């Protein structure tokens, strides 16, 4: 379980309700497999989750997590989306993900 957690990232800012969940999961998979996004082989995408707009991506190699986190900005783009969506990408950890969700839910 610990090894799996170290290969998982948390994605916030996923546009909810625009497309079917399976389609959005496919778009996320493609985004995080592309080398231009510092991506690599995706083992699993967990979407939707209990938190709206949040997905979990587990990679086959932990090195990919490090390279994805180094990218300054992730913009989710696909011809099926009306525009580009900036994503917040963080390392998976139970504490981090719950505090991240809290920050997202705060009114601006």
Protein backbone atom coordinates (compact mmCIF):
# COMPACT_ATOMS: atom_id res chain seq x y z
CA UNK A 1 0.00 0.00 0.00
CA UNK A 2 2.80 2.44 0.83
CA UNK A 3 4.46 1.75 -2.52
CA UNK A 4 1.20 2.45 -4.31
CA UNK A 5 0.70 5.71 -2.43
CA UNK A 6 4.17 6.87 -3.48
CA UNK A 7 3.18 6.35 -7.13
CA UNK A 8 -0.08 8.32 -6.80
CA UNK A 9 -0.82 12.00 -7.33
CA UNK A 10 -3.90 14.05 -6.50
CA UNK A 11 -5.40 16.19 -9.24
CA UNK A 12 -7.70 19.09 -8.31
CA UNK A 13 -9.55 21.35 -10.72
CA UNK A 14 -10.95 18.60 -12.93
CA UNK A 15 -14.00 20.13 -14.67
CA UNK A 16 -16.99 18.26 -13.25
CA UNK A 17 -20.25 17.62 -15.06
CA UNK A 18 -19.06 18.51 -18.58
CA UNK A 19 -18.49 14.98 -19.88
CA UNK A 20 -19.23 11.42 -18.86
CA UNK A 21 -16.96 10.22 -16.05
CA UNK A 22 -15.33 7.56 -18.24
CA UNK A 23 -14.50 10.16 -20.91
CA UNK A 24 -12.96 12.51 -18.35
CA UNK A 25 -10.92 9.61 -16.92
CA UNK A 26 -9.65 8.90 -20.46
CA UNK A 27 -8.71 12.57 -20.98
CA UNK A 28 -6.80 12.56 -17.66
CA UNK A 29 -5.03 9.32 -18.61
CA UNK A 30 -3.91 10.78 -21.94
CA UNK A 31 -2.76 14.04 -20.32
CA UNK A 32 -0.59 12.29 -17.75
CA UNK A 33 0.88 9.82 -20.27
CA UNK A 34 2.16 12.54 -22.60
CA UNK A 35 5.88 13.27 -22.42
CA UNK A 36 5.21 17.01 -22.91
CA UNK A 37 3.44 16.88 -19.52
CA UNK A 38 6.41 15.01 -17.99
CA UNK A 39 4.09 12.01 -17.84
CA UNK A 40 4.52 8.28 -18.15
CA UNK A 41 2.67 4.99 -17.98
CA UNK A 42 -0.54 5.35 -15.98
CA UNK A 43 -1.58 2.31 -13.96
CA UNK A 44 -4.95 3.60 -12.78
CA UNK A 45 -7.15 6.70 -12.78
CA UNK A 46 -9.65 7.08 -9.94
CA UNK A 47 -12.39 9.40 -11.12
CA UNK A 48 -14.92 10.41 -10.00
CA UNK A 49 -14.03 10.50 -6.31
CA UNK A 50 -16.00 11.55 -3.24
CA UNK A 51 -14.70 15.07 -3.81
CA UNK A 52 -16.01 16.90 -6.87
CA UNK A 53 -13.32 17.93 -9.31
CA UNK A 54 -10.69 15.65 -7.78
CA UNK A 55 -9.02 12.63 -9.35
CA UNK A 56 -6.22 10.27 -8.32
CA UNK A 57 -3.66 9.06 -10.83
CA UNK A 58 -1.41 6.10 -10.04
CA UNK A 59 1.65 5.65 -12.24
CA UNK A 60 3.57 2.44 -12.89
CA UNK A 61 6.86 4.10 -11.87
CA UNK A 62 7.47 6.43 -8.97
CA UNK A 63 9.96 8.47 -11.03
CA UNK A 64 7.04 9.69 -13.15
CA UNK A 65 5.42 11.22 -10.05
CA UNK A 66 8.56 13.29 -9.47
CA UNK A 67 8.71 14.52 -13.07
CA UNK A 68 4.98 15.35 -13.19
CA UNK A 69 5.30 17.36 -9.98
CA UNK A 70 8.22 19.33 -11.47
CA UNK A 71 6.10 20.68 -14.32
CA UNK A 72 5.12 24.28 -13.54
CA UNK A 73 1.57 24.17 -14.80
CA UNK A 74 -0.71 21.43 -16.02
CA UNK A 75 -3.39 22.60 -18.44
CA UNK A 76 -6.01 20.01 -19.24
CA UNK A 77 -6.85 20.35 -22.91
CA UNK A 78 -8.85 18.14 -25.22
CA UNK A 79 -11.05 18.80 -28.23
CA UNK A 80 -14.02 17.53 -26.21
CA UNK A 81 -13.52 20.28 -23.59
CA UNK A 82 -14.77 23.85 -24.21
CA UNK A 83 -11.52 25.40 -22.96
CA UNK A 84 -8.25 24.63 -21.17
CA UNK A 85 -8.48 23.87 -17.44
CA UNK A 86 -5.58 24.51 -15.05
CA UNK A 87 -5.01 21.55 -12.74
CA UNK A 88 -3.46 21.51 -9.29
CA UNK A 89 -1.19 18.49 -8.95
CA UNK A 90 0.06 17.34 -5.54
CA UNK A 91 1.68 14.27 -4.06
CA UNK A 92 -0.78 11.78 -2.58
CA UNK A 93 -0.96 11.55 1.18
CA UNK A 94 -4.06 11.21 3.32
CA UNK A 95 -3.38 14.43 5.21
CA UNK A 96 -2.42 16.45 2.16
CA UNK A 97 -5.42 15.41 0.12
CA UNK A 98 -7.92 16.30 2.85
CA UNK A 99 -6.33 19.69 3.49
CA UNK A 100 -6.15 20.32 -0.26
CA UNK A 101 -9.86 19.59 -0.55
CA UNK A 102 -10.51 21.99 2.31
CA UNK A 103 -8.61 24.77 0.50
CA UNK A 104 -10.52 24.14 -2.71
CA UNK A 105 -13.83 24.40 -0.89
CA UNK A 106 -13.01 27.78 0.69
CA UNK A 107 -14.91 30.69 -0.88
CA UNK A 108 -12.64 33.09 -2.75
